[in-house]
């Protein structure tokens, strides 16, 4: 099987996708922690579907007496 190589999401360095690489998909602990910091600061987010917001749905269900 051919070795899979990906780019580190933080620095772009080529990284072999191996189970022995504890930092994958990152190239190092430093890049992993930099990425984690970006998420913690709110600089990276997973966008939600603007047409379906679960928090609003729960509120609407509560208002209608639906459990």
Protein backbone atom coordinates (compact mmCIF):
# COMPACT_ATOMS: atom_id res chain seq x y z
CA UNK A 1 0.00 0.00 0.00
CA UNK A 2 1.29 3.46 -0.88
CA UNK A 3 2.15 5.85 1.92
CA UNK A 4 -0.36 8.66 2.29
CA UNK A 5 1.14 12.12 2.70
CA UNK A 6 -0.91 15.12 3.83
CA UNK A 7 -0.06 18.76 4.54
CA UNK A 8 0.13 19.89 8.15
CA UNK A 9 -2.91 22.17 8.58
CA UNK A 10 -0.81 24.69 10.51
CA UNK A 11 2.47 25.04 8.61
CA UNK A 12 1.90 23.11 5.38
CA UNK A 13 4.81 20.70 5.88
CA UNK A 14 4.38 17.24 4.31
CA UNK A 15 3.34 14.66 6.93
CA UNK A 16 3.14 10.88 6.47
CA UNK A 17 -0.29 9.62 7.57
CA UNK A 18 0.96 6.84 9.84
CA UNK A 19 -0.55 5.44 13.03
CA UNK A 20 2.87 5.89 14.62
CA UNK A 21 2.59 9.69 14.16
CA UNK A 22 0.93 10.78 17.39
CA UNK A 23 0.42 14.32 16.07
CA UNK A 24 -1.29 13.51 12.77
CA UNK A 25 -2.53 15.37 10.83
CA UNK A 26 -0.03 17.82 12.33
CA UNK A 27 3.74 17.56 11.92
CA UNK A 28 4.55 18.32 15.56
CA UNK A 29 3.16 19.02 19.00
CA UNK A 30 3.85 22.72 18.40
CA UNK A 31 1.63 22.83 15.30
CA UNK A 32 -1.07 20.83 17.10
CA UNK A 33 -1.07 23.26 20.04
CA UNK A 34 -1.10 26.32 17.77
CA UNK A 35 -4.20 24.93 16.07
CA UNK A 36 -5.81 24.14 19.43
CA UNK A 37 -5.14 27.73 20.53
CA UNK A 38 -6.89 29.06 17.44
CA UNK A 39 -10.00 27.00 18.29
CA UNK A 40 -9.84 28.04 21.96
CA UNK A 41 -9.68 31.72 21.01
CA UNK A 42 -12.67 31.33 18.70
CA UNK A 43 -10.65 32.08 15.58
CA UNK A 44 -11.77 28.76 14.08
CA UNK A 45 -15.35 27.55 14.17
CA UNK A 46 -17.58 24.97 12.53
CA UNK A 47 -20.37 26.91 10.93
CA UNK A 48 -23.94 25.88 11.59
CA UNK A 49 -26.84 25.58 9.23
CA UNK A 50 -28.62 28.96 9.37
CA UNK A 51 -31.95 27.29 8.61
CA UNK A 52 -31.78 24.85 11.50
CA UNK A 53 -30.56 26.00 14.87
CA UNK A 54 -31.20 23.36 17.54
CA UNK A 55 -31.30 25.94 20.36
CA UNK A 56 -34.09 27.82 18.61
CA UNK A 57 -35.91 24.56 17.87
CA UNK A 58 -35.86 23.54 21.55
CA UNK A 59 -37.19 26.96 22.57
CA UNK A 60 -40.00 26.74 20.02
CA UNK A 61 -40.90 23.23 21.16
CA UNK A 62 -41.01 24.38 24.80
CA UNK A 63 -43.26 27.32 23.86
CA UNK A 64 -45.68 24.94 22.17
CA UNK A 65 -45.77 22.51 25.10
CA UNK A 66 -43.92 19.81 23.13
CA UNK A 67 -41.32 17.79 24.99
